[in-house]
PDB file of all heavy atoms in Angstrom:
ATOM      1  N   VAL A   1     143.649 221.561 128.835  1.00  0.00           N
ATOM      2  CA  VAL A   1     143.126 220.858 127.666  1.00  0.00           C
ATOM      3  C   VAL A   1     143.616 219.416 127.730  1.00  0.00           C
ATOM      4  O   VAL A   1     144.824 219.165 127.809  1.00  0.00           O
ATOM      5  CB  VAL A   1     143.573 221.507 126.340  1.00  0.00           C
ATOM      6  CG1 VAL A   1     143.190 220.624 125.148  1.00  0.00           C
ATOM      7  CG2 VAL A   1     142.932 222.886 126.179  1.00  0.00           C
ATOM      8  N   TYR A   2     142.676 218.475 127.744  1.00  0.00           N
ATOM      9  CA  TYR A   2     143.001 217.046 127.760  1.00  0.00           C
ATOM     10  C   TYR A   2     142.756 216.485 126.358  1.00  0.00           C
ATOM     11  O   TYR A   2     141.634 216.571 125.848  1.00  0.00           O
ATOM     12  CB  TYR A   2     142.130 216.301 128.765  1.00  0.00           C
ATOM     13  CG  TYR A   2     142.218 216.814 130.181  1.00  0.00           C
ATOM     14  CD1 TYR A   2     141.316 217.771 130.649  1.00  0.00           C
ATOM     15  CD2 TYR A   2     143.192 216.347 131.055  1.00  0.00           C
ATOM     16  CE1 TYR A   2     141.378 218.241 131.948  1.00  0.00           C
ATOM     17  CE2 TYR A   2     143.266 216.818 132.366  1.00  0.00           C
ATOM     18  CZ  TYR A   2     142.356 217.771 132.804  1.00  0.00           C
ATOM     19  OH  TYR A   2     142.432 218.235 134.084  1.00  0.00           O
ATOM     20  N   VAL A   3     143.789 215.908 125.750  1.00  0.00           N
ATOM     21  CA  VAL A   3     143.677 215.299 124.422  1.00  0.00           C
ATOM     22  C   VAL A   3     143.772 213.792 124.603  1.00  0.00           C
ATOM     23  O   VAL A   3     144.802 213.277 125.069  1.00  0.00           O
ATOM     24  CB  VAL A   3     144.782 215.799 123.473  1.00  0.00           C
ATOM     25  CG1 VAL A   3     144.509 215.304 122.054  1.00  0.00           C
ATOM     26  CG2 VAL A   3     144.860 217.328 123.499  1.00  0.00           C
ATOM     27  N   LEU A   4     142.720 213.072 124.238  1.00  0.00           N
ATOM     28  CA  LEU A   4     142.642 211.639 124.493  1.00  0.00           C
ATOM     29  C   LEU A   4     142.769 210.858 123.191  1.00  0.00           C
ATOM     30  O   LEU A   4     141.973 211.042 122.269  1.00  0.00           O
ATOM     31  CB  LEU A   4     141.305 211.305 125.168  1.00  0.00           C
ATOM     32  CG  LEU A   4     140.983 212.116 126.434  1.00  0.00           C
ATOM     33  CD1 LEU A   4     139.615 211.734 126.971  1.00  0.00           C
ATOM     34  CD2 LEU A   4     142.050 211.924 127.485  1.00  0.00           C
ATOM     35  N   ASN A   5     143.808 210.007 123.128  1.00  0.00           N
ATOM     36  CA  ASN A   5     144.065 209.119 121.987  1.00  0.00           C
ATOM     37  C   ASN A   5     144.530 209.897 120.750  1.00  0.00           C
ATOM     38  O   ASN A   5     143.874 210.832 120.299  1.00  0.00           O
ATOM     39  CB  ASN A   5     142.840 208.275 121.636  1.00  0.00           C
ATOM     40  CG  ASN A   5     142.490 207.304 122.740  1.00  0.00           C
ATOM     41  OD1 ASN A   5     143.376 206.761 123.402  1.00  0.00           O
ATOM     42  ND2 ASN A   5     141.195 207.077 122.945  1.00  0.00           N
ATOM     43  N   ASN A   6     145.675 209.474 120.221  1.00  0.00           N
ATOM     44  CA  ASN A   6     146.262 210.065 119.014  1.00  0.00           C
ATOM     45  C   ASN A   6     146.483 211.563 119.157  1.00  0.00           C
ATOM     46  O   ASN A   6     146.188 212.338 118.238  1.00  0.00           O
ATOM     47  CB  ASN A   6     145.392 209.770 117.787  1.00  0.00           C
ATOM     48  CG  ASN A   6     145.303 208.290 117.495  1.00  0.00           C
ATOM     49  OD1 ASN A   6     146.312 207.584 117.479  1.00  0.00           O
ATOM     50  ND2 ASN A   6     144.092 207.808 117.277  1.00  0.00           N
ATOM     51  N   ALA A   7     146.984 211.969 120.316  1.00  0.00           N
ATOM     52  CA  ALA A   7     147.216 213.390 120.564  1.00  0.00           C
ATOM     53  C   ALA A   7     148.385 213.902 119.712  1.00  0.00           C
ATOM     54  O   ALA A   7     149.409 213.231 119.569  1.00  0.00           O
ATOM     55  CB  ALA A   7     147.514 213.619 122.040  1.00  0.00           C
ATOM     56  N   PHE A   8     148.207 215.105 119.168  1.00  0.00           N
ATOM     57  CA  PHE A   8     149.244 215.701 118.324  1.00  0.00           C
ATOM     58  C   PHE A   8     149.187 217.211 118.473  1.00  0.00           C
ATOM     59  O   PHE A   8     148.127 217.829 118.288  1.00  0.00           O
ATOM     60  CB  PHE A   8     149.032 215.301 116.863  1.00  0.00           C
ATOM     61  CG  PHE A   8     150.137 215.762 115.948  1.00  0.00           C
ATOM     62  CD1 PHE A   8     151.450 215.353 116.136  1.00  0.00           C
ATOM     63  CD2 PHE A   8     149.861 216.615 114.880  1.00  0.00           C
ATOM     64  CE1 PHE A   8     152.467 215.769 115.290  1.00  0.00           C
ATOM     65  CE2 PHE A   8     150.866 217.045 114.026  1.00  0.00           C
ATOM     66  CZ  PHE A   8     152.177 216.618 114.223  1.00  0.00           C
ATOM     67  N   LEU A   9     150.320 217.808 118.835  1.00  0.00           N
ATOM     68  CA  LEU A   9     150.420 219.251 119.005  1.00  0.00           C
ATOM     69  C   LEU A   9     151.500 219.809 118.086  1.00  0.00           C
ATOM     70  O   LEU A   9     152.578 219.219 117.954  1.00  0.00           O
ATOM     71  CB  LEU A   9     150.762 219.621 120.446  1.00  0.00           C
ATOM     72  CG  LEU A   9     149.636 219.589 121.487  1.00  0.00           C
ATOM     73  CD1 LEU A   9     149.247 218.161 121.819  1.00  0.00           C
ATOM     74  CD2 LEU A   9     150.052 220.346 122.750  1.00  0.00           C
ATOM     75  N   VAL A  10     151.207 220.938 117.465  1.00  0.00           N
ATOM     76  CA  VAL A  10     152.164 221.624 116.609  1.00  0.00           C
ATOM     77  C   VAL A  10     152.237 223.081 117.047  1.00  0.00           C
ATOM     78  O   VAL A  10     151.221 223.722 117.280  1.00  0.00           O
ATOM     79  CB  VAL A  10     151.760 221.562 115.125  1.00  0.00           C
ATOM     80  CG1 VAL A  10     152.780 222.300 114.267  1.00  0.00           C
ATOM     81  CG2 VAL A  10     151.634 220.119 114.666  1.00  0.00           C
ATOM     82  N   GLN A  11     153.472 223.588 117.159  1.00  0.00           N
ATOM     83  CA  GLN A  11     153.667 224.978 117.548  1.00  0.00           C
ATOM     84  C   GLN A  11     154.752 225.596 116.694  1.00  0.00           C
ATOM     85  O   GLN A  11     155.824 225.012 116.501  1.00  0.00           O
ATOM     86  CB  GLN A  11     154.065 225.066 119.026  1.00  0.00           C
ATOM     87  CG  GLN A  11     154.321 226.512 119.495  1.00  0.00           C
ATOM     88  CD  GLN A  11     154.868 226.541 120.903  1.00  0.00           C
ATOM     89  OE1 GLN A  11     155.661 225.689 121.292  1.00  0.00           O
ATOM     90  NE2 GLN A  11     154.426 227.522 121.684  1.00  0.00           N
ATOM     91  N   GLN A  12     154.467 226.767 116.170  1.00  0.00           N
ATOM     92  CA  GLN A  12     155.464 227.488 115.375  1.00  0.00           C
ATOM     93  C   GLN A  12     156.267 228.404 116.297  1.00  0.00           C
ATOM     94  O   GLN A  12     155.693 229.194 117.054  1.00  0.00           O
ATOM     95  CB  GLN A  12     154.797 228.296 114.270  1.00  0.00           C
ATOM     96  CG  GLN A  12     155.783 228.913 113.297  1.00  0.00           C
ATOM     97  CD  GLN A  12     155.100 229.605 112.142  1.00  0.00           C
ATOM     98  OE1 GLN A  12     153.994 230.094 112.266  1.00  0.00           O
ATOM     99  NE2 GLN A  12     155.758 229.643 110.996  1.00  0.00           N
ATOM    100  N   ASP A  13     157.604 228.287 116.227  1.00  0.00           N
ATOM    101  CA  ASP A  13     158.434 229.098 117.112  1.00  0.00           C
ATOM    102  C   ASP A  13     158.759 230.437 116.468  1.00  0.00           C
ATOM    103  O   ASP A  13     158.281 230.764 115.380  1.00  0.00           O
ATOM    104  CB  ASP A  13     159.707 228.335 117.517  1.00  0.00           C
ATOM    105  CG  ASP A  13     160.562 227.947 116.309  1.00  0.00           C
ATOM    106  OD1 ASP A  13     160.475 228.628 115.268  1.00  0.00           O
ATOM    107  OD2 ASP A  13     161.310 226.958 116.416  1.00  0.00           O
ATOM    108  N   THR A  14     159.632 231.196 117.136  1.00  0.00           N
ATOM    109  CA  THR A  14     159.921 232.560 116.689  1.00  0.00           C
ATOM    110  C   THR A  14     160.722 232.614 115.391  1.00  0.00           C
ATOM    111  O   THR A  14     160.772 233.654 114.732  1.00  0.00           O
ATOM    112  CB  THR A  14     160.693 233.317 117.783  1.00  0.00           C
ATOM    113  OG1 THR A  14     161.874 232.572 118.129  1.00  0.00           O
ATOM    114  CG2 THR A  14     159.822 233.487 119.018  1.00  0.00           C
ATOM    115  N   ILE A  15     161.388 231.496 115.017  1.00  0.00           N
ATOM    116  CA  ILE A  15     162.156 231.500 113.772  1.00  0.00           C
ATOM    117  C   ILE A  15     161.468 230.656 112.691  1.00  0.00           C
ATOM    118  O   ILE A  15     162.102 230.129 111.780  1.00  0.00           O
ATOM    119  CB  ILE A  15     163.589 230.986 114.008  1.00  0.00           C
ATOM    120  CG1 ILE A  15     163.593 229.578 114.614  1.00  0.00           C
ATOM    121  CG2 ILE A  15     164.363 231.944 114.892  1.00  0.00           C
ATOM    122  CD1 ILE A  15     164.982 228.977 114.736  1.00  0.00           C
ATOM    123  N   LYS A  16     160.140 230.514 112.842  1.00  0.00           N
ATOM    124  CA  LYS A  16     159.267 229.880 111.842  1.00  0.00           C
ATOM    125  C   LYS A  16     159.460 228.373 111.720  1.00  0.00           C
ATOM    126  O   LYS A  16     159.025 227.775 110.733  1.00  0.00           O
ATOM    127  CB  LYS A  16     159.463 230.546 110.467  1.00  0.00           C
ATOM    128  CG  LYS A  16     159.267 232.056 110.458  1.00  0.00           C
ATOM    129  CD  LYS A  16     157.871 232.451 110.932  1.00  0.00           C
ATOM    130  CE  LYS A  16     157.676 233.969 110.870  1.00  0.00           C
ATOM    131  NZ  LYS A  16     156.337 234.388 111.330  1.00  0.00           N
ATOM    132  N   ASN A  17     160.150 227.763 112.673  1.00  0.00           N
ATOM    133  CA  ASN A  17     160.217 226.301 112.708  1.00  0.00           C
ATOM    134  C   ASN A  17     158.987 225.744 113.431  1.00  0.00           C
ATOM    135  O   ASN A  17     158.344 226.460 114.213  1.00  0.00           O
ATOM    136  CB  ASN A  17     161.485 225.829 113.416  1.00  0.00           C
ATOM    137  CG  ASN A  17     162.734 226.135 112.615  1.00  0.00           C
ATOM    138  OD1 ASN A  17     162.733 226.056 111.389  1.00  0.00           O
ATOM    139  ND2 ASN A  17     163.800 226.491 113.317  1.00  0.00           N
ATOM    140  N   PHE A  18     158.682 224.458 113.179  1.00  0.00           N
ATOM    141  CA  PHE A  18     157.512 223.849 113.795  1.00  0.00           C
ATOM    142  C   PHE A  18     157.939 222.790 114.813  1.00  0.00           C
ATOM    143  O   PHE A  18     158.592 221.802 114.465  1.00  0.00           O
ATOM    144  CB  PHE A  18     156.609 223.214 112.731  1.00  0.00           C
ATOM    145  CG  PHE A  18     155.911 224.227 111.867  1.00  0.00           C
ATOM    146  CD1 PHE A  18     156.472 224.624 110.669  1.00  0.00           C
ATOM    147  CD2 PHE A  18     154.705 224.789 112.259  1.00  0.00           C
ATOM    148  CE1 PHE A  18     155.839 225.552 109.862  1.00  0.00           C
ATOM    149  CE2 PHE A  18     154.061 225.720 111.470  1.00  0.00           C
ATOM    150  CZ  PHE A  18     154.627 226.106 110.264  1.00  0.00           C
ATOM    151  N   ASN A  19     157.592 223.010 116.069  1.00  0.00           N
ATOM    152  CA  ASN A  19     157.815 222.022 117.120  1.00  0.00           C
ATOM    153  C   ASN A  19     156.600 221.102 117.172  1.00  0.00           C
ATOM    154  O   ASN A  19     155.457 221.571 117.207  1.00  0.00           O
ATOM    155  CB  ASN A  19     157.999 222.713 118.476  1.00  0.00           C
ATOM    156  CG  ASN A  19     159.165 223.688 118.456  1.00  0.00           C
ATOM    157  OD1 ASN A  19     160.222 223.375 117.921  1.00  0.00           O
ATOM    158  ND2 ASN A  19     158.970 224.867 119.028  1.00  0.00           N
ATOM    159  N   GLN A  20     156.843 219.774 117.187  1.00  0.00           N
ATOM    160  CA  GLN A  20     155.759 218.810 117.136  1.00  0.00           C
ATOM    161  C   GLN A  20     155.854 217.830 118.296  1.00  0.00           C
ATOM    162  O   GLN A  20     156.927 217.358 118.639  1.00  0.00           O
ATOM    163  CB  GLN A  20     155.783 218.038 115.817  1.00  0.00           C
ATOM    164  CG  GLN A  20     155.734 218.958 114.586  1.00  0.00           C
ATOM    165  CD  GLN A  20     155.867 218.178 113.296  1.00  0.00           C
ATOM    166  OE1 GLN A  20     155.100 217.257 113.036  1.00  0.00           O
ATOM    167  NE2 GLN A  20     156.856 218.548 112.491  1.00  0.00           N
ATOM    168  N   ILE A  21     154.716 217.529 118.903  1.00  0.00           N
ATOM    169  CA  ILE A  21     154.638 216.569 120.002  1.00  0.00           C
ATOM    170  C   ILE A  21     153.521 215.579 119.702  1.00  0.00           C
ATOM    171  O   ILE A  21     152.410 215.977 119.369  1.00  0.00           O
ATOM    172  CB  ILE A  21     154.358 217.271 121.344  1.00  0.00           C
ATOM    173  CG1 ILE A  21     155.483 218.247 121.685  1.00  0.00           C
ATOM    174  CG2 ILE A  21     154.183 216.256 122.464  1.00  0.00           C
ATOM    175  CD1 ILE A  21     155.224 219.054 122.933  1.00  0.00           C
ATOM    176  N   LYS A  22     153.827 214.273 119.840  1.00  0.00           N
ATOM    177  CA  LYS A  22     152.835 213.245 119.598  1.00  0.00           C
ATOM    178  C   LYS A  22     152.840 212.250 120.744  1.00  0.00           C
ATOM    179  O   LYS A  22     153.887 211.894 121.270  1.00  0.00           O
ATOM    180  CB  LYS A  22     153.116 212.519 118.284  1.00  0.00           C
ATOM    181  CG  LYS A  22     152.037 211.501 117.896  1.00  0.00           C
ATOM    182  CD  LYS A  22     152.302 210.905 116.526  1.00  0.00           C
ATOM    183  CE  LYS A  22     151.180 209.959 116.128  1.00  0.00           C
ATOM    184  NZ  LYS A  22     151.390 209.371 114.778  1.00  0.00           N
ATOM    185  N   GLY A  23     151.676 211.789 121.161  1.00  0.00           N
ATOM    186  CA  GLY A  23     151.563 210.815 122.227  1.00  0.00           C
ATOM    187  C   GLY A  23     150.175 210.202 122.239  1.00  0.00           C
ATOM    188  O   GLY A  23     149.315 210.578 121.438  1.00  0.00           O
ATOM    189  N   ARG A  24     149.978 209.252 123.125  1.00  0.00           N
ATOM    190  CA  ARG A  24     148.638 208.675 123.232  1.00  0.00           C
ATOM    191  C   ARG A  24     147.684 209.713 123.809  1.00  0.00           C
ATOM    192  O   ARG A  24     146.622 209.987 123.252  1.00  0.00           O
ATOM    193  CB  ARG A  24     148.647 207.426 124.119  1.00  0.00           C
ATOM    194  CG  ARG A  24     147.304 206.683 124.117  1.00  0.00           C
ATOM    195  CD  ARG A  24     147.299 205.546 125.119  1.00  0.00           C
ATOM    196  NE  ARG A  24     147.325 206.050 126.497  1.00  0.00           N
ATOM    197  CZ  ARG A  24     147.296 205.266 127.570  1.00  0.00           C
ATOM    198  NH1 ARG A  24     147.286 203.957 127.429  1.00  0.00           N
ATOM    199  NH2 ARG A  24     147.326 205.789 128.788  1.00  0.00           N
ATOM    200  N   ASP A  25     148.077 210.277 124.972  1.00  0.00           N
ATOM    201  CA  ASP A  25     147.284 211.318 125.618  1.00  0.00           C
ATOM    202  C   ASP A  25     148.178 212.506 125.946  1.00  0.00           C
ATOM    203  O   ASP A  25     149.359 212.337 126.232  1.00  0.00           O
ATOM    204  CB  ASP A  25     146.645 210.807 126.917  1.00  0.00           C
ATOM    205  CG  ASP A  25     145.774 209.584 126.685  1.00  0.00           C
ATOM    206  OD1 ASP A  25     145.109 209.535 125.650  1.00  0.00           O
ATOM    207  OD2 ASP A  25     145.777 208.688 127.556  1.00  0.00           O
ATOM    208  N   VAL A  26     147.598 213.693 125.924  1.00  0.00           N
ATOM    209  CA  VAL A  26     148.336 214.910 126.258  1.00  0.00           C
ATOM    210  C   VAL A  26     147.471 215.777 127.164  1.00  0.00           C
ATOM    211  O   VAL A  26     146.264 215.913 126.948  1.00  0.00           O
ATOM    212  CB  VAL A  26     148.730 215.700 124.991  1.00  0.00           C
ATOM    213  CG1 VAL A  26     149.168 217.123 125.346  1.00  0.00           C
ATOM    214  CG2 VAL A  26     149.842 214.995 124.236  1.00  0.00           C
ATOM    215  N   THR A  27     148.104 216.366 128.177  1.00  0.00           N
ATOM    216  CA  THR A  27     147.442 217.361 129.013  1.00  0.00           C
ATOM    217  C   THR A  27     148.223 218.664 128.902  1.00  0.00           C
ATOM    218  O   THR A  27     149.424 218.699 129.184  1.00  0.00           O
ATOM    219  CB  THR A  27     147.381 216.924 130.486  1.00  0.00           C
ATOM    220  OG1 THR A  27     146.685 215.680 130.590  1.00  0.00           O
ATOM    221  CG2 THR A  27     146.658 217.968 131.319  1.00  0.00           C
ATOM    222  N   ALA A  28     147.541 219.711 128.470  1.00  0.00           N
ATOM    223  CA  ALA A  28     148.172 221.026 128.330  1.00  0.00           C
ATOM    224  C   ALA A  28     147.620 221.954 129.410  1.00  0.00           C
ATOM    225  O   ALA A  28     146.405 222.068 129.580  1.00  0.00           O
ATOM    226  CB  ALA A  28     147.909 221.596 126.945  1.00  0.00           C
ATOM    227  N   TYR A  29     148.535 222.629 130.138  1.00  0.00           N
ATOM    228  CA  TYR A  29     148.155 223.548 131.200  1.00  0.00           C
ATOM    229  C   TYR A  29     148.344 224.987 130.697  1.00  0.00           C
ATOM    230  O   TYR A  29     149.351 225.300 130.061  1.00  0.00           O
ATOM    231  CB  TYR A  29     149.012 223.312 132.446  1.00  0.00           C
ATOM    232  CG  TYR A  29     148.885 221.908 132.992  1.00  0.00           C
ATOM    233  CD1 TYR A  29     149.677 220.871 132.497  1.00  0.00           C
ATOM    234  CD2 TYR A  29     147.979 221.626 134.007  1.00  0.00           C
ATOM    235  CE1 TYR A  29     149.567 219.582 133.008  1.00  0.00           C
ATOM    236  CE2 TYR A  29     147.859 220.336 134.526  1.00  0.00           C
ATOM    237  CZ  TYR A  29     148.648 219.311 134.011  1.00  0.00           C
ATOM    238  OH  TYR A  29     148.531 218.041 134.508  1.00  0.00           O
ATOM    239  N   PHE A  30     147.393 225.834 131.031  1.00  0.00           N
ATOM    240  CA  PHE A  30     147.419 227.200 130.512  1.00  0.00           C
ATOM    241  C   PHE A  30     147.629 228.211 131.631  1.00  0.00           C
ATOM    242  O   PHE A  30     147.207 228.010 132.780  1.00  0.00           O
ATOM    243  CB  PHE A  30     146.091 227.510 129.801  1.00  0.00           C
ATOM    244  CG  PHE A  30     145.945 226.826 128.474  1.00  0.00           C
ATOM    245  CD1 PHE A  30     145.629 225.473 128.404  1.00  0.00           C
ATOM    246  CD2 PHE A  30     146.136 227.521 127.297  1.00  0.00           C
ATOM    247  CE1 PHE A  30     145.497 224.835 127.191  1.00  0.00           C
ATOM    248  CE2 PHE A  30     145.993 226.894 126.070  1.00  0.00           C
ATOM    249  CZ  PHE A  30     145.681 225.543 126.017  1.00  0.00           C
ATOM    250  N   ARG A  31     148.291 229.297 131.266  1.00  0.00           N
ATOM    251  CA  ARG A  31     148.471 230.438 132.153  1.00  0.00           C
ATOM    252  C   ARG A  31     148.287 231.702 131.332  1.00  0.00           C
ATOM    253  O   ARG A  31     148.955 231.898 130.319  1.00  0.00           O
ATOM    254  CB  ARG A  31     149.848 230.419 132.812  1.00  0.00           C
ATOM    255  CG  ARG A  31     150.102 231.594 133.765  1.00  0.00           C
ATOM    256  CD  ARG A  31     151.495 231.525 134.365  1.00  0.00           C
ATOM    257  NE  ARG A  31     151.659 230.351 135.232  1.00  0.00           N
ATOM    258  CZ  ARG A  31     152.811 230.020 135.785  1.00  0.00           C
ATOM    259  NH1 ARG A  31     153.903 230.766 135.567  1.00  0.00           N
ATOM    260  NH2 ARG A  31     152.896 228.952 136.561  1.00  0.00           N
ATOM    261  N   LYS A  32     147.361 232.521 131.747  1.00  0.00           N
ATOM    262  CA  LYS A  32     147.053 233.775 131.049  1.00  0.00           C
ATOM    263  C   LYS A  32     146.708 233.527 129.578  1.00  0.00           C
ATOM    264  O   LYS A  32     147.127 234.254 128.688  1.00  0.00           O
ATOM    265  CB  LYS A  32     148.208 234.767 131.160  1.00  0.00           C
ATOM    266  CG  LYS A  32     148.474 235.226 132.588  1.00  0.00           C
ATOM    267  CD  LYS A  32     149.593 236.248 132.641  1.00  0.00           C
ATOM    268  CE  LYS A  32     149.831 236.716 134.076  1.00  0.00           C
ATOM    269  NZ  LYS A  32     150.924 237.731 134.151  1.00  0.00           N
ATOM    270  N   GLY A  33     145.964 232.450 129.334  1.00  0.00           N
ATOM    271  CA  GLY A  33     145.470 232.180 127.985  1.00  0.00           C
ATOM    272  C   GLY A  33     146.436 231.485 127.061  1.00  0.00           C
ATOM    273  O   GLY A  33     146.112 231.233 125.895  1.00  0.00           O
ATOM    274  N   LYS A  34     147.648 231.142 127.546  1.00  0.00           N
ATOM    275  CA  LYS A  34     148.639 230.484 126.707  1.00  0.00           C
ATOM    276  C   LYS A  34     149.157 229.220 127.390  1.00  0.00           C
ATOM    277  O   LYS A  34     149.155 229.118 128.615  1.00  0.00           O
ATOM    278  CB  LYS A  34     149.808 231.432 126.402  1.00  0.00           C
ATOM    279  CG  LYS A  34     149.415 232.649 125.578  1.00  0.00           C
ATOM    280  CD  LYS A  34     150.626 233.511 125.271  1.00  0.00           C
ATOM    281  CE  LYS A  34     150.236 234.725 124.430  1.00  0.00           C
ATOM    282  NZ  LYS A  34     151.408 235.578 124.101  1.00  0.00           N
ATOM    283  N   ILE A  35     149.618 228.241 126.571  1.00  0.00           N
ATOM    284  CA  ILE A  35     150.136 226.992 127.116  1.00  0.00           C
ATOM    285  C   ILE A  35     151.395 227.262 127.931  1.00  0.00           C
ATOM    286  O   ILE A  35     152.342 227.870 127.455  1.00  0.00           O
ATOM    287  CB  ILE A  35     150.434 225.985 125.989  1.00  0.00           C
ATOM    288  CG1 ILE A  35     149.118 225.535 125.328  1.00  0.00           C
ATOM    289  CG2 ILE A  35     151.156 224.759 126.535  1.00  0.00           C
ATOM    290  CD1 ILE A  35     149.319 224.580 124.177  1.00  0.00           C
ATOM    291  N   ASN A  36     151.393 226.773 129.188  1.00  0.00           N
ATOM    292  CA  ASN A  36     152.532 226.968 130.079  1.00  0.00           C
ATOM    293  C   ASN A  36     153.292 225.659 130.315  1.00  0.00           C
ATOM    294  O   ASN A  36     154.498 225.661 130.528  1.00  0.00           O
ATOM    295  CB  ASN A  36     152.037 227.532 131.412  1.00  0.00           C
ATOM    296  CG  ASN A  36     153.156 227.759 132.404  1.00  0.00           C
ATOM    297  OD1 ASN A  36     154.049 228.562 132.160  1.00  0.00           O
ATOM    298  ND2 ASN A  36     153.124 227.024 133.523  1.00  0.00           N
ATOM    299  N   GLN A  37     152.583 224.522 130.277  1.00  0.00           N
ATOM    300  CA  GLN A  37     153.198 223.223 130.527  1.00  0.00           C
ATOM    301  C   GLN A  37     152.443 222.153 129.769  1.00  0.00           C
ATOM    302  O   GLN A  37     151.224 222.231 129.611  1.00  0.00           O
ATOM    303  CB  GLN A  37     153.180 222.914 132.026  1.00  0.00           C
ATOM    304  CG  GLN A  37     153.729 221.541 132.405  1.00  0.00           C
ATOM    305  CD  GLN A  37     153.626 221.274 133.882  1.00  0.00           C
ATOM    306  OE1 GLN A  37     153.729 222.169 134.707  1.00  0.00           O
ATOM    307  NE2 GLN A  37     153.404 220.006 134.246  1.00  0.00           N
ATOM    308  N   ILE A  38     153.164 221.121 129.298  1.00  0.00           N
ATOM    309  CA  ILE A  38     152.549 220.009 128.565  1.00  0.00           C
ATOM    310  C   ILE A  38     153.042 218.691 129.148  1.00  0.00           C
ATOM    311  O   ILE A  38     154.244 218.469 129.287  1.00  0.00           O
ATOM    312  CB  ILE A  38     152.883 220.062 127.061  1.00  0.00           C
ATOM    313  CG1 ILE A  38     152.340 221.352 126.433  1.00  0.00           C
ATOM    314  CG2 ILE A  38     152.313 218.855 126.333  1.00  0.00           C
ATOM    315  CD1 ILE A  38     152.751 221.535 124.990  1.00  0.00           C
ATOM    316  N   ASP A  39     152.095 217.806 129.509  1.00  0.00           N
ATOM    317  CA  ASP A  39     152.416 216.451 129.938  1.00  0.00           C
ATOM    318  C   ASP A  39     152.003 215.489 128.836  1.00  0.00           C
ATOM    319  O   ASP A  39     150.859 215.545 128.358  1.00  0.00           O
ATOM    320  CB  ASP A  39     151.665 216.096 131.226  1.00  0.00           C
ATOM    321  CG  ASP A  39     152.163 216.909 132.420  1.00  0.00           C
ATOM    322  OD1 ASP A  39     153.245 217.511 132.300  1.00  0.00           O
ATOM    323  OD2 ASP A  39     151.458 216.944 133.446  1.00  0.00           O
TER     324      ASP A  39
END
């Protein structure tokens, strides 16, 4: 998944906290249907 301009990702972890990533562009790599790596 390529996110171009104003990229923003939010993920809820196992203890209900929210991990947030923001950047100009983001590339997310998937393995078995789930995100495995984020640039």
